[in-house]
N, C-alpha and C. Protein backbone atom coordinates (compact mmCIF):
# COMPACT_ATOMS: atom_id res chain seq x y z
N MET A 1 -13.39 -3.28 -15.52
CA MET A 1 -12.10 -3.01 -16.08
C MET A 1 -11.03 -3.58 -15.17
N THR A 2 -10.09 -4.32 -15.71
CA THR A 2 -9.05 -4.92 -14.89
C THR A 2 -7.80 -4.06 -14.91
N THR A 3 -7.05 -4.15 -13.84
CA THR A 3 -5.82 -3.39 -13.72
C THR A 3 -4.65 -4.27 -14.14
N PRO A 4 -3.84 -3.83 -15.09
CA PRO A 4 -2.72 -4.65 -15.47
C PRO A 4 -1.69 -4.73 -14.35
N GLY A 5 -1.17 -5.91 -14.13
CA GLY A 5 -0.17 -6.12 -13.10
C GLY A 5 1.20 -6.26 -13.74
N PRO A 6 2.12 -6.87 -13.04
CA PRO A 6 3.45 -7.06 -13.59
C PRO A 6 3.40 -7.88 -14.87
N ALA A 7 4.22 -7.52 -15.82
CA ALA A 7 4.36 -8.21 -17.10
C ALA A 7 3.06 -8.18 -17.91
N GLY A 8 2.18 -7.21 -17.69
CA GLY A 8 0.98 -7.04 -18.48
C GLY A 8 -0.16 -7.99 -18.15
N ALA A 9 -0.02 -8.83 -17.13
CA ALA A 9 -1.08 -9.75 -16.75
C ALA A 9 -2.13 -9.00 -15.94
N THR A 10 -3.35 -9.49 -15.96
CA THR A 10 -4.40 -8.85 -15.17
C THR A 10 -4.19 -9.17 -13.70
N ALA A 11 -4.74 -8.36 -12.82
CA ALA A 11 -4.57 -8.55 -11.38
C ALA A 11 -5.11 -9.90 -10.94
N ALA A 12 -6.24 -10.33 -11.50
CA ALA A 12 -6.83 -11.61 -11.12
C ALA A 12 -5.93 -12.77 -11.53
N THR A 13 -5.33 -12.69 -12.71
CA THR A 13 -4.43 -13.74 -13.17
C THR A 13 -3.19 -13.80 -12.30
N VAL A 14 -2.63 -12.64 -11.99
CA VAL A 14 -1.43 -12.60 -11.17
C VAL A 14 -1.73 -13.12 -9.77
N ALA A 15 -2.90 -12.80 -9.23
CA ALA A 15 -3.26 -13.26 -7.89
C ALA A 15 -3.31 -14.78 -7.83
N ARG A 16 -3.74 -15.42 -8.89
CA ARG A 16 -3.82 -16.88 -8.91
C ARG A 16 -2.46 -17.52 -9.13
N THR A 17 -1.58 -16.84 -9.83
CA THR A 17 -0.32 -17.48 -10.21
C THR A 17 0.87 -17.02 -9.40
N ALA A 18 0.79 -15.96 -8.65
CA ALA A 18 1.95 -15.41 -7.97
C ALA A 18 2.08 -15.87 -6.53
N GLY A 19 1.54 -17.02 -6.19
CA GLY A 19 1.66 -17.51 -4.83
C GLY A 19 0.61 -16.93 -3.90
N ALA A 20 -0.27 -16.10 -4.39
CA ALA A 20 -1.33 -15.51 -3.58
C ALA A 20 -2.65 -16.20 -3.89
N ALA A 21 -2.62 -17.53 -3.94
CA ALA A 21 -3.82 -18.28 -4.32
C ALA A 21 -4.96 -18.06 -3.34
N THR A 22 -4.66 -17.72 -2.11
CA THR A 22 -5.72 -17.48 -1.13
C THR A 22 -6.37 -16.12 -1.32
N LEU A 23 -5.81 -15.29 -2.18
CA LEU A 23 -6.38 -13.97 -2.44
C LEU A 23 -7.22 -13.98 -3.71
N GLU A 24 -8.06 -14.99 -3.88
CA GLU A 24 -8.88 -15.07 -5.07
C GLU A 24 -9.99 -14.04 -5.09
N ASN A 25 -10.38 -13.57 -3.94
CA ASN A 25 -11.44 -12.58 -3.83
C ASN A 25 -10.86 -11.20 -4.12
N ARG A 26 -11.32 -10.55 -5.15
CA ARG A 26 -10.74 -9.25 -5.54
C ARG A 26 -10.96 -8.18 -4.48
N PHE A 27 -12.01 -8.31 -3.69
CA PHE A 27 -12.25 -7.34 -2.63
C PHE A 27 -11.25 -7.53 -1.50
N LEU A 28 -10.86 -8.77 -1.24
CA LEU A 28 -9.83 -9.03 -0.24
C LEU A 28 -8.49 -8.50 -0.72
N VAL A 29 -8.17 -8.67 -1.98
CA VAL A 29 -6.94 -8.13 -2.55
C VAL A 29 -6.91 -6.62 -2.39
N SER A 30 -8.01 -5.96 -2.72
CA SER A 30 -8.03 -4.50 -2.63
C SER A 30 -7.96 -4.04 -1.17
N SER A 31 -8.57 -4.78 -0.25
CA SER A 31 -8.52 -4.40 1.16
C SER A 31 -7.11 -4.51 1.72
N VAL A 32 -6.43 -5.62 1.39
CA VAL A 32 -5.06 -5.82 1.87
C VAL A 32 -4.14 -4.77 1.24
N ALA A 33 -4.33 -4.50 -0.05
CA ALA A 33 -3.50 -3.50 -0.72
C ALA A 33 -3.76 -2.10 -0.15
N PHE A 34 -5.00 -1.79 0.19
CA PHE A 34 -5.32 -0.50 0.78
C PHE A 34 -4.60 -0.31 2.11
N LEU A 35 -4.64 -1.34 2.96
CA LEU A 35 -3.97 -1.23 4.25
C LEU A 35 -2.46 -1.11 4.08
N ARG A 36 -1.90 -1.83 3.10
CA ARG A 36 -0.46 -1.74 2.85
C ARG A 36 -0.11 -0.36 2.31
N ALA A 37 -0.96 0.22 1.46
CA ALA A 37 -0.71 1.56 0.93
C ALA A 37 -0.68 2.59 2.05
N LYS A 38 -1.56 2.44 3.03
CA LYS A 38 -1.55 3.34 4.18
C LYS A 38 -0.24 3.22 4.94
N GLN A 39 0.26 1.99 5.09
CA GLN A 39 1.54 1.79 5.76
C GLN A 39 2.67 2.46 5.00
N LEU A 40 2.67 2.30 3.67
CA LEU A 40 3.72 2.90 2.85
C LEU A 40 3.69 4.42 2.92
N GLN A 41 2.49 5.00 2.94
CA GLN A 41 2.35 6.45 3.02
C GLN A 41 2.81 6.99 4.38
N CYS A 42 2.74 6.13 5.40
CA CYS A 42 3.17 6.55 6.74
C CYS A 42 4.65 6.28 6.97
N GLY A 43 5.36 5.80 5.95
CA GLY A 43 6.80 5.64 6.07
C GLY A 43 7.33 4.23 6.12
N ALA A 44 6.50 3.21 5.93
CA ALA A 44 6.99 1.84 5.92
C ALA A 44 7.93 1.62 4.73
N ARG A 45 8.90 0.76 4.91
CA ARG A 45 9.83 0.46 3.83
C ARG A 45 9.18 -0.45 2.80
N PRO A 46 9.32 -0.13 1.52
CA PRO A 46 8.77 -1.02 0.49
C PRO A 46 9.54 -2.33 0.44
N ARG A 47 8.84 -3.41 0.15
CA ARG A 47 9.47 -4.72 0.08
C ARG A 47 9.81 -5.11 -1.35
N LEU A 48 9.46 -4.27 -2.28
CA LEU A 48 9.84 -4.42 -3.68
C LEU A 48 10.57 -3.16 -4.10
N GLU A 49 11.22 -3.19 -5.24
CA GLU A 49 11.90 -2.01 -5.78
C GLU A 49 10.85 -0.96 -6.11
N ALA A 50 10.98 0.22 -5.52
CA ALA A 50 9.95 1.26 -5.66
C ALA A 50 9.87 1.80 -7.09
N GLU A 51 10.99 2.07 -7.73
CA GLU A 51 11.04 2.54 -9.12
C GLU A 51 10.01 3.62 -9.44
N ARG A 52 9.90 4.62 -8.60
CA ARG A 52 9.01 5.76 -8.82
C ARG A 52 7.53 5.38 -8.90
N HIS A 53 7.13 4.25 -8.32
CA HIS A 53 5.72 3.89 -8.28
C HIS A 53 5.05 4.63 -7.12
N LYS A 54 3.80 4.94 -7.30
CA LYS A 54 3.03 5.55 -6.21
C LYS A 54 2.74 4.47 -5.16
N PRO A 55 2.49 4.88 -3.92
CA PRO A 55 2.26 3.89 -2.85
C PRO A 55 1.12 2.91 -3.14
N THR A 56 0.06 3.36 -3.79
CA THR A 56 -1.05 2.45 -4.07
C THR A 56 -0.66 1.37 -5.07
N HIS A 57 0.07 1.74 -6.10
CA HIS A 57 0.50 0.76 -7.10
C HIS A 57 1.54 -0.18 -6.50
N LEU A 58 2.45 0.36 -5.72
CA LEU A 58 3.47 -0.46 -5.08
C LEU A 58 2.83 -1.44 -4.10
N ALA A 59 1.81 -1.00 -3.36
CA ALA A 59 1.12 -1.87 -2.42
C ALA A 59 0.44 -3.02 -3.15
N LEU A 60 -0.20 -2.74 -4.27
CA LEU A 60 -0.85 -3.80 -5.04
C LEU A 60 0.19 -4.79 -5.56
N MET A 61 1.31 -4.29 -6.03
CA MET A 61 2.37 -5.18 -6.53
C MET A 61 2.91 -6.06 -5.39
N GLU A 62 3.05 -5.50 -4.19
CA GLU A 62 3.52 -6.28 -3.05
C GLU A 62 2.53 -7.36 -2.67
N VAL A 63 1.25 -7.04 -2.68
CA VAL A 63 0.23 -8.03 -2.33
C VAL A 63 0.23 -9.17 -3.35
N LEU A 64 0.27 -8.83 -4.62
CA LEU A 64 0.23 -9.85 -5.66
C LEU A 64 1.52 -10.68 -5.71
N ALA A 65 2.63 -10.09 -5.30
CA ALA A 65 3.90 -10.83 -5.27
C ALA A 65 4.03 -11.64 -3.98
N ASP A 66 3.06 -11.54 -3.09
CA ASP A 66 3.02 -12.29 -1.83
C ASP A 66 4.23 -11.98 -0.96
N THR A 67 4.60 -10.70 -0.88
CA THR A 67 5.74 -10.29 -0.06
C THR A 67 5.32 -9.76 1.30
N ILE A 68 4.04 -9.64 1.56
CA ILE A 68 3.57 -9.18 2.86
C ILE A 68 2.72 -10.26 3.49
N SER A 69 2.70 -10.29 4.80
CA SER A 69 1.88 -11.29 5.50
C SER A 69 0.58 -10.63 5.94
N TRP A 70 -0.46 -11.41 5.99
CA TRP A 70 -1.77 -10.91 6.37
C TRP A 70 -2.58 -12.09 6.89
N SER A 71 -3.67 -11.81 7.58
CA SER A 71 -4.55 -12.87 8.05
C SER A 71 -5.98 -12.34 8.09
N VAL A 72 -6.92 -13.25 8.02
CA VAL A 72 -8.34 -12.91 8.07
C VAL A 72 -8.88 -13.48 9.37
N GLU A 73 -9.50 -12.62 10.17
CA GLU A 73 -10.07 -13.07 11.42
C GLU A 73 -11.54 -13.38 11.23
N ASP A 74 -12.06 -14.29 12.05
CA ASP A 74 -13.47 -14.63 11.98
C ASP A 74 -14.31 -13.42 12.37
N ALA A 75 -15.40 -13.22 11.64
CA ALA A 75 -16.29 -12.10 11.91
C ALA A 75 -17.26 -12.41 13.04
N VAL A 76 -17.33 -13.68 13.44
CA VAL A 76 -18.26 -14.09 14.50
C VAL A 76 -17.70 -13.65 15.84
N ALA A 77 -18.50 -12.89 16.57
CA ALA A 77 -18.07 -12.44 17.89
C ALA A 77 -18.23 -13.58 18.87
N LYS A 78 -17.17 -13.88 19.59
CA LYS A 78 -17.23 -14.97 20.56
C LYS A 78 -17.80 -14.44 21.87
N LYS A 79 -18.62 -15.27 22.49
CA LYS A 79 -19.24 -14.90 23.76
C LYS A 79 -18.17 -14.99 24.84
N PRO A 80 -18.02 -13.94 25.66
CA PRO A 80 -17.01 -13.99 26.72
C PRO A 80 -17.34 -15.07 27.74
N VAL A 81 -16.31 -15.70 28.24
CA VAL A 81 -16.48 -16.76 29.23
C VAL A 81 -16.63 -16.10 30.60
N ALA A 82 -17.68 -16.50 31.32
CA ALA A 82 -17.94 -15.92 32.63
C ALA A 82 -17.03 -16.57 33.68
N PRO A 83 -16.61 -15.81 34.67
CA PRO A 83 -15.80 -16.39 35.75
C PRO A 83 -16.59 -17.46 36.50
N ASP A 84 -15.91 -18.31 37.26
CA ASP A 84 -16.57 -19.39 38.00
C ASP A 84 -17.66 -18.84 38.91
N GLY A 85 -18.79 -19.54 38.93
CA GLY A 85 -19.89 -19.17 39.79
C GLY A 85 -20.81 -18.11 39.21
N MET A 86 -20.50 -17.57 38.02
CA MET A 86 -21.36 -16.55 37.43
C MET A 86 -21.88 -17.07 36.10
N SER A 87 -23.07 -16.62 35.72
CA SER A 87 -23.65 -17.05 34.45
C SER A 87 -23.71 -15.93 33.48
């Protein structure tokens, strides 16, 4: 089941067309929106007009509108570099 986004479009369609082309993975969209919802619940200022939306819905709208910045870090753990003379 898809969640309708702004203007009745599905979340996947909005993610492709709203400048969030790098958020094609729906699990990444939900993860970023979840973290933003936690920020909103802790008192962060909304970057869109709140209009009585709940924090979770507002967070999803912000992610799809590409109003928040985010980054994905590599999951590969880098081996620490040893100091000179040590292996």
